Amino acid sequence: MSGPLHTQLCDKLGIEYPVVAFTHCKDVAVAVINAGGFAVLGEAMHTPDQIAADIKWIRDRIGGKPFGIDLVLPASVPEEKTVEELLAMIPRTHWDFEQKIKDKYEVPAPKEVPNLHQWGGLDHKRALAQLDVVFDERVPVFASGLGSPQFLLDRAHQLGMQVWGLVGKPRQAKKQVDAGTDVIIAQGYDAAGHTGNIGTFSIVPQVVDIARGSKTAVIAAGGVTTGRHLAAALALGAAGVWTGSLWLASRESDVNLQLKERLIECETDDTMYSNCISGYTMRTTRCPWHDEWNSDAAPEVLKPPLQMMLSANYIQGSLDYQRKDLMTEAAGQGIHYVTEMKPARQIISDLVDEAFDVFDRFAAD
């Protein structure tokens, strides 16, 4: 393929379209890869054994095509702590406030231990154990969704792996370009999950300028849910787009059906930029947990990873008992354009067709 959608990222990965899907669902990852895009599977919530099994599962279904694994490498967490030790660090005032929220909204207790208790962001030991699996399996692309991957570049490159880093500030991009990071995801304030406070249209061209003359490719992230966004990202100098919210309601997605319906109903202003879920600022869909932590009665938000552990029972209970009124999910401001449950292949096709329509319109003028 040649033309406006054939970019530096396509050459780096041997893919047809410069569209990267970030997803926590193996089925979505495989569907996007087999439709000509690229996928990065978020594995920070899984044990090393689960990660190894997921990697094998994907490889068995994509015929040698490349894929990526995303983990978190936070610097500001303990070296090593048990879940029990971390839970004991949460003050009684915060447990009392959590209980008030659960009582007020009749939040059910989880059916089992929250998945968040396996999060690689709890301590360094967990994160490094997850990372060892990625190296052992020589995954084609490792992406760091939180924290700098600079310390592992040499090891990854020796194994023939690419390293991608997600940034929200130009100074972070400069450090990663100088270190030799293969791809930088320039993520704007519009994005889902852990993100900074600079808008997508501001951060992307700045990072493109910083990377100019280097071998580092830049991908645009933050609110990307249409072909117009893809065309705009390429016009800003990006070599592709990083998409996340776009896949949550896809047919292949394993997201809870009630939550899918909630996401389809969401508008841009239904997303909240707050640190009350994890202790880091992140964008998620609004729920009662946000409302209560925004009230005057709320205590100070805890530092990571304690706030994530405090919110775990609320989040897991809402999912286990199908409480749509309580649910929250990481979602970006582009969620307005997620309006139906389409197959991943159709989502890719629609993105590409709309982007080509944009380019054709400009060529005709």
Protein backbone atom coordinates (compact mmCIF):
# COMPACT_ATOMS: atom_id res chain seq x y z
CA MET A 1 0.00 0.00 0.00
CA SER A 2 1.16 3.54 -0.76
CA GLY A 3 -0.41 6.94 -0.39
CA PRO A 4 -1.19 9.26 2.52
CA LEU A 5 -1.88 6.43 4.97
CA HIS A 6 1.46 4.70 4.35
CA THR A 7 3.71 6.19 7.01
CA GLN A 8 6.95 5.65 8.89
CA LEU A 9 4.99 3.57 11.41
CA CYS A 10 3.79 1.22 8.67
CA ASP A 11 7.40 0.66 7.62
CA LYS A 12 8.56 0.10 11.20
CA LEU A 13 5.93 -2.57 11.82
CA GLY A 14 5.12 -3.95 8.38
CA ILE A 15 1.45 -3.04 8.77
CA GLU A 16 -1.10 -1.78 6.28
CA TYR A 17 -2.70 1.05 8.25
CA PRO A 18 -1.10 3.41 10.82
CA VAL A 19 -3.74 2.64 13.44
CA VAL A 20 -2.74 1.28 16.84
CA ALA A 21 -5.39 -0.21 19.09
CA PHE A 22 -4.66 -0.19 22.80
CA THR A 23 -6.89 -2.79 24.40
CA HIS A 24 -7.14 -5.11 27.39
CA CYS A 25 -8.94 -7.73 25.29
CA LYS A 26 -7.03 -10.42 23.35
CA ASP A 27 -9.85 -10.87 20.84
CA VAL A 28 -9.82 -7.17 19.95
CA ALA A 29 -6.03 -7.23 19.54
CA VAL A 30 -6.14 -10.19 17.16
CA ALA A 31 -9.04 -8.74 15.14
CA VAL A 32 -7.29 -5.38 14.66
CA ILE A 33 -3.97 -6.99 13.69
CA ASN A 34 -5.64 -9.28 11.18
CA ALA A 35 -7.52 -6.28 9.72
CA GLY A 36 -4.27 -4.49 8.85
CA GLY A 37 -3.72 -2.40 11.96
CA PHE A 38 -1.54 -2.90 15.02
CA ALA A 39 -2.52 -3.72 18.59
CA VAL A 40 -0.96 -3.29 22.00
CA LEU A 41 -2.45 -5.47 24.74
CA GLY A 42 -2.60 -3.93 28.20
CA GLU A 43 -1.35 -6.56 30.66
CA ALA A 44 -0.67 -4.55 33.82
CA MET A 45 -3.55 -6.26 35.64
CA HIS A 46 -2.29 -9.79 34.95
CA THR A 47 0.13 -12.14 36.67
CA PRO A 48 3.30 -13.21 34.82
CA ASP A 49 1.76 -16.62 34.05
CA GLN A 50 -1.35 -14.99 32.60
CA ILE A 51 0.79 -12.68 30.46
CA ALA A 52 2.76 -15.62 29.05
CA ALA A 53 -0.46 -17.45 28.23
CA ASP A 54 -1.95 -14.38 26.53
CA ILE A 55 1.17 -13.91 24.39
CA LYS A 56 0.98 -17.52 23.20
CA TRP A 57 -2.76 -17.18 22.51
CA ILE A 58 -2.18 -14.11 20.32
CA ARG A 59 0.75 -15.62 18.45
CA ASP A 60 -1.30 -18.68 17.59
CA ARG A 61 -3.85 -16.47 15.81
CA ILE A 62 -1.91 -13.78 13.92
CA GLY A 63 0.43 -15.78 11.70
CA GLY A 64 3.72 -14.14 12.60
CA LYS A 65 2.46 -10.54 12.50
CA PRO A 66 3.87 -8.15 15.13
CA PHE A 67 2.03 -7.11 18.30
CA GLY A 68 2.76 -5.21 21.48
CA ILE A 69 2.39 -5.58 25.24
CA ASP A 70 1.77 -2.61 27.54
CA LEU A 71 2.81 -2.52 31.20
CA VAL A 72 3.19 0.23 33.79
CA LEU A 73 6.56 1.19 35.28
CA PRO A 74 5.70 3.75 37.98
CA ALA A 75 8.61 5.26 39.90
CA SER A 76 6.68 6.57 42.91
CA VAL A 77 5.58 3.25 44.43
CA PRO A 78 7.21 0.94 47.00
CA GLU A 79 10.00 -1.44 46.01
CA GLU A 80 8.12 -4.41 47.41
CA LYS A 81 4.94 -4.65 49.49
CA THR A 82 2.31 -7.32 49.97
CA VAL A 83 -1.30 -6.44 49.25
CA GLU A 84 -1.98 -6.73 52.99
CA GLU A 85 0.81 -4.28 53.81
CA LEU A 86 -0.46 -1.79 51.24
CA LEU A 87 -4.04 -2.05 52.48
CA ALA A 88 -2.82 -1.43 56.03
CA MET A 89 -1.26 1.86 54.88
CA ILE A 90 -4.67 3.31 53.99
CA PRO A 91 -5.87 5.59 56.83
CA ARG A 92 -9.05 4.78 58.74
CA THR A 93 -10.54 8.11 57.62
CA HIS A 94 -10.38 6.96 54.02
CA TRP A 95 -11.89 3.55 54.73
CA ASP A 96 -14.72 5.33 56.58
CA PHE A 97 -15.32 7.59 53.59
CA GLU A 98 -15.30 4.62 51.24
CA GLN A 99 -17.90 2.92 53.46
CA LYS A 100 -20.11 6.03 53.40
CA ILE A 101 -20.09 5.93 49.60
CA LYS A 102 -20.96 2.24 49.58
CA ASP A 103 -23.78 2.77 52.05
CA LYS A 104 -25.18 5.82 50.22
CA TYR A 105 -25.33 4.11 46.82
CA GLU A 106 -25.87 0.53 48.04
CA VAL A 107 -22.65 -0.62 46.40
CA PRO A 108 -22.42 -4.43 46.59
CA ALA A 109 -19.30 -6.15 47.86
CA PRO A 110 -17.23 -7.84 45.12
CA LYS A 111 -17.82 -11.54 44.54
CA GLU A 112 -14.06 -12.16 44.63
CA VAL A 113 -10.77 -10.36 45.24
CA PRO A 114 -10.58 -7.28 42.97
CA ASN A 115 -8.46 -7.69 39.86
CA LEU A 116 -6.72 -4.43 40.78
CA HIS A 117 -4.84 -6.29 43.50
CA GLN A 118 -2.68 -7.80 40.73
CA TRP A 119 -1.87 -4.42 39.16
CA GLY A 120 1.78 -3.97 38.20
CA GLY A 121 1.57 -0.43 39.56
CA LEU A 122 1.38 -1.64 43.17
CA ASP A 123 5.13 -2.07 43.61
CA HIS A 124 8.36 -2.42 41.63
CA LYS A 125 8.64 -6.17 42.21
CA ARG A 126 5.31 -6.89 40.49
CA ALA A 127 6.09 -4.61 37.56
CA LEU A 128 9.55 -6.13 36.98
CA ALA A 129 8.21 -9.69 37.19
CA GLN A 130 5.69 -8.83 34.47
CA LEU A 131 8.42 -7.19 32.42
CA ASP A 132 10.62 -10.29 32.60
CA VAL A 133 7.93 -12.26 30.76
CA VAL A 134 7.87 -9.71 27.94
CA PHE A 135 11.64 -10.06 27.56
CA ASP A 136 11.58 -13.85 27.84
CA GLU A 137 8.98 -14.00 25.08
CA ARG A 138 10.79 -11.40 22.95
CA VAL A 139 7.55 -9.55 22.30
CA PRO A 140 8.02 -7.39 19.17
CA VAL A 141 6.93 -4.17 20.91
CA PHE A 142 6.99 -3.21 24.56
CA ALA A 143 4.99 -0.09 25.44
CA SER A 144 5.22 1.71 28.77
CA GLY A 145 1.83 3.16 29.63
CA LEU A 146 3.04 4.80 32.83
CA GLY A 147 6.64 5.57 33.71
CA SER A 148 9.76 5.93 31.58
CA PRO A 149 11.13 2.88 29.73
CA GLN A 150 14.62 4.36 29.29
CA PHE A 151 16.31 1.91 31.69
CA LEU A 152 15.36 -1.10 29.56
CA LEU A 153 16.16 0.20 26.08
CA ASP A 154 19.54 -1.53 25.68
CA ARG A 155 18.23 -4.91 26.79
CA ALA A 156 15.17 -4.67 24.55
CA HIS A 157 17.16 -3.59 21.49
CA GLN A 158 19.63 -6.43 21.99
CA LEU A 159 16.68 -8.81 21.78
CA GLY A 160 15.36 -7.16 18.62
CA MET A 161 12.39 -5.57 20.39
CA GLN A 162 11.00 -2.07 19.89
CA VAL A 163 10.33 0.14 22.92
CA TRP A 164 7.50 2.65 22.92
CA GLY A 165 6.97 5.37 25.50
CA LEU A 166 3.86 7.34 26.29
CA VAL A 167 4.38 11.02 27.16
CA GLY A 168 2.20 13.95 28.13
CA LYS A 169 4.88 16.65 28.30
CA PRO A 170 7.46 17.87 25.76
CA ARG A 171 10.33 17.48 28.25
CA GLN A 172 9.47 13.80 28.66
CA ALA A 173 9.55 13.40 24.89
CA LYS A 174 12.98 15.07 24.67
CA LYS A 175 14.46 12.63 27.18
CA GLN A 176 13.00 9.64 25.37
CA VAL A 177 14.14 10.78 21.93
CA ASP A 178 17.66 11.36 23.25
CA ALA A 179 17.63 7.88 24.84
CA GLY A 180 16.64 6.20 21.55
CA THR A 181 13.03 5.22 22.21
CA ASP A 182 11.66 3.74 18.98
CA VAL A 183 8.18 5.26 19.09
CA ILE A 184 6.71 8.00 21.26
CA ILE A 185 3.00 8.19 21.89
CA ALA A 186 2.22 11.90 22.33
CA GLN A 187 -0.91 11.78 24.44
CA GLY A 188 -3.16 14.76 24.93
CA TYR A 189 -5.52 15.76 27.72
CA ASP A 190 -8.43 14.40 25.66
CA ALA A 191 -7.23 10.83 26.21
CA ALA A 192 -8.60 8.06 28.37
CA GLY A 193 -6.72 6.75 31.36
CA HIS A 194 -3.60 8.28 32.86
CA THR A 195 -2.87 11.44 30.93
CA GLY A 196 -1.39 14.89 31.31
CA ASN A 197 -2.97 18.33 31.00
CA ILE A 198 -1.82 19.45 27.52
CA GLY A 199 -4.34 19.13 24.68
CA THR A 200 -3.76 16.72 21.80
CA PHE A 201 -3.44 19.46 19.17
CA SER A 202 -0.79 21.15 21.31
CA ILE A 203 1.31 18.18 22.45
CA VAL A 204 1.50 16.27 19.14
CA PRO A 205 3.20 18.90 16.93
CA GLN A 206 5.61 19.81 19.75
CA VAL A 207 6.71 16.18 20.08
CA VAL A 208 6.95 15.87 16.29
CA ASP A 209 9.29 18.87 16.28
CA ILE A 210 11.40 17.35 19.07
CA ALA A 211 11.70 14.03 17.20
CA ARG A 212 12.52 15.60 13.83
CA GLY A 213 15.86 14.32 12.51
CA SER A 214 15.82 11.26 14.78
CA LYS A 215 14.72 7.69 14.07
CA THR A 216 11.90 8.03 16.60
CA ALA A 217 8.38 7.91 15.18
CA VAL A 218 5.58 9.85 16.86
CA ILE A 219 2.03 8.57 17.31
CA ALA A 220 -0.86 10.87 18.24
CA ALA A 221 -3.14 9.89 21.12
CA GLY A 222 -6.07 11.55 22.81
CA GLY A 223 -9.66 11.65 21.57
CA VAL A 224 -8.93 9.75 18.34
CA THR A 225 -12.12 7.94 17.31
CA THR A 226 -12.76 8.86 13.64
CA GLY A 227 -11.03 8.96 10.28
CA ARG A 228 -11.02 12.75 10.50
CA HIS A 229 -8.94 12.44 13.67
CA LEU A 230 -6.56 10.10 11.83
CA ALA A 231 -6.16 12.54 8.93
CA ALA A 232 -5.65 15.44 11.36
CA ALA A 233 -2.99 13.51 13.27
CA LEU A 234 -1.04 12.86 10.06
CA ALA A 235 -1.40 16.54 9.14
CA LEU A 236 0.19 17.41 12.51
CA GLY A 237 3.20 15.28 11.56
CA ALA A 238 2.35 12.09 13.45
CA ALA A 239 3.09 8.73 11.84
CA GLY A 240 -0.11 7.18 13.13
CA VAL A 241 -2.70 7.17 15.89
CA TRP A 242 -3.09 5.41 19.23
CA THR A 243 -6.73 4.54 19.90
CA GLY A 244 -8.32 3.10 23.02
CA SER A 245 -11.92 4.15 23.69
CA LEU A 246 -12.77 3.21 20.11
CA TRP A 247 -12.55 -0.53 20.89
CA LEU A 248 -14.35 -0.71 24.23
CA ALA A 249 -17.79 -1.28 22.71
CA SER A 250 -16.62 -3.35 19.75
CA ARG A 251 -18.23 -6.73 19.11
CA GLU A 252 -15.04 -8.57 20.11
CA SER A 253 -14.53 -6.60 23.32
CA ASP A 254 -14.96 -8.50 26.58
CA VAL A 255 -16.15 -5.36 28.37
CA ASN A 256 -19.26 -5.96 30.50
CA LEU A 257 -22.39 -5.54 28.30
CA GLN A 258 -23.96 -3.04 30.70
CA LEU A 259 -20.73 -1.03 30.61
CA LYS A 260 -20.69 -1.14 26.80
CA GLU A 261 -24.18 0.32 26.80
CA ARG A 262 -23.09 3.00 29.24
CA LEU A 263 -20.13 3.92 27.01
CA ILE A 264 -22.34 4.15 23.92
CA GLU A 265 -24.64 6.52 25.82
CA CYS A 266 -21.75 8.74 26.99
CA GLU A 267 -21.06 12.20 25.66
CA THR A 268 -17.79 14.10 25.86
CA ASP A 269 -18.74 15.88 29.08
CA ASP A 270 -19.58 12.57 30.74
CA THR A 271 -15.85 11.92 31.12
CA MET A 272 -13.99 13.16 34.19
CA TYR A 273 -10.32 14.13 34.60
CA SER A 274 -9.53 13.24 38.19
CA ASN A 275 -7.07 11.50 40.49
CA CYS A 276 -9.77 9.91 42.68
CA ILE A 277 -9.57 6.48 41.01
CA SER A 278 -5.84 5.72 41.10
CA GLY A 279 -4.08 8.68 42.71
CA TYR A 280 -2.78 9.69 39.27
CA THR A 281 -4.80 12.05 37.11
CA MET A 282 -6.78 9.97 34.65
CA ARG A 283 -9.84 10.36 32.45
CA THR A 284 -12.74 7.99 33.09
CA THR A 285 -16.50 8.06 32.72
CA ARG A 286 -18.24 9.89 35.54
CA CYS A 287 -19.80 7.85 38.34
CA PRO A 288 -20.89 8.38 41.99
CA TRP A 289 -17.32 7.72 43.17
CA HIS A 290 -16.23 10.90 41.34
CA ASP A 291 -19.12 12.93 42.71
CA GLU A 292 -18.35 12.01 46.30
CA TRP A 293 -14.61 12.64 46.00
CA ASN A 294 -15.37 16.05 44.49
CA SER A 295 -17.45 16.99 47.54
CA ASP A 296 -16.25 19.12 50.46
CA ALA A 297 -16.59 16.10 52.76
CA ALA A 298 -13.94 14.09 50.92
CA PRO A 299 -10.53 13.52 52.50
CA GLU A 300 -7.36 14.20 50.54
CA VAL A 301 -6.79 11.75 47.69
CA LEU A 302 -4.13 9.18 48.58
CA LYS A 303 -0.83 8.79 46.76
CA PRO A 304 -0.42 5.88 44.31
CA PRO A 305 -0.96 2.99 44.61
CA LEU A 306 -3.13 3.39 47.73
CA GLN A 307 -5.98 5.29 46.08
CA MET A 308 -6.28 2.57 43.44
CA MET A 309 -6.60 -0.04 46.16
CA LEU A 310 -9.18 2.05 47.99
CA SER A 311 -11.38 2.31 44.88
CA ALA A 312 -11.01 -1.38 43.96
CA ASN A 313 -13.99 -2.79 45.87
CA TYR A 314 -16.34 -0.10 44.51
CA ILE A 315 -15.25 -0.75 40.91
CA GLN A 316 -15.31 -4.54 41.17
CA GLY A 317 -18.65 -4.62 42.97
CA SER A 318 -20.30 -2.48 40.29
CA LEU A 319 -19.12 -4.89 37.59
CA ASP A 320 -19.85 -8.12 39.44
CA TYR A 321 -23.47 -7.12 40.04
CA GLN A 322 -24.15 -5.35 36.73
CA ARG A 323 -24.74 -1.97 38.42
CA LYS A 324 -24.69 0.28 35.38
CA ASP A 325 -25.47 3.30 37.57
CA LEU A 326 -22.20 2.80 39.47
CA MET A 327 -19.83 1.74 36.68
CA THR A 328 -16.82 3.69 35.47
CA GLU A 329 -14.28 3.01 32.72
CA ALA A 330 -11.28 4.78 31.25
CA ALA A 331 -12.67 6.68 28.25
CA GLY A 332 -11.47 9.67 26.27
CA GLN A 333 -13.28 12.76 25.05
CA GLY A 334 -13.77 11.16 21.65
CA ILE A 335 -16.32 8.78 23.20
CA HIS A 336 -19.08 10.82 21.52
CA TYR A 337 -18.28 8.97 18.29
CA VAL A 338 -18.56 5.51 19.83
CA THR A 339 -22.23 4.97 19.04
CA GLU A 340 -22.70 1.27 18.27
CA MET A 341 -21.19 -2.18 18.78
CA LYS A 342 -19.32 -2.80 15.52
CA PRO A 343 -16.80 -5.53 14.65
CA ALA A 344 -13.18 -4.39 14.91
CA ARG A 345 -12.63 -4.99 11.19
CA GLN A 346 -15.51 -2.61 10.41
CA ILE A 347 -14.10 0.01 12.78
CA ILE A 348 -10.74 -0.12 10.96
CA SER A 349 -12.48 0.05 7.58
CA ASP A 350 -14.59 3.05 8.62
CA LEU A 351 -11.53 4.90 9.98
CA VAL A 352 -9.56 4.34 6.79
CA ASP A 353 -12.44 5.21 4.44
CA GLU A 354 -13.17 8.46 6.28
CA ALA A 355 -9.50 9.45 6.31
CA PHE A 356 -9.28 8.85 2.55
CA ASP A 357 -12.43 10.95 2.07
CA VAL A 358 -10.67 13.82 3.87
CA PHE A 359 -7.57 13.53 1.69
CA ASP A 360 -9.66 13.24 -1.48
CA ARG A 361 -11.61 16.37 -0.53
CA PHE A 362 -8.42 18.37 -0.12
CA ALA A 363 -6.95 16.98 -3.35
CA ALA A 364 -10.07 18.05 -5.24
CA ASP A 365 -9.95 21.66 -3.99
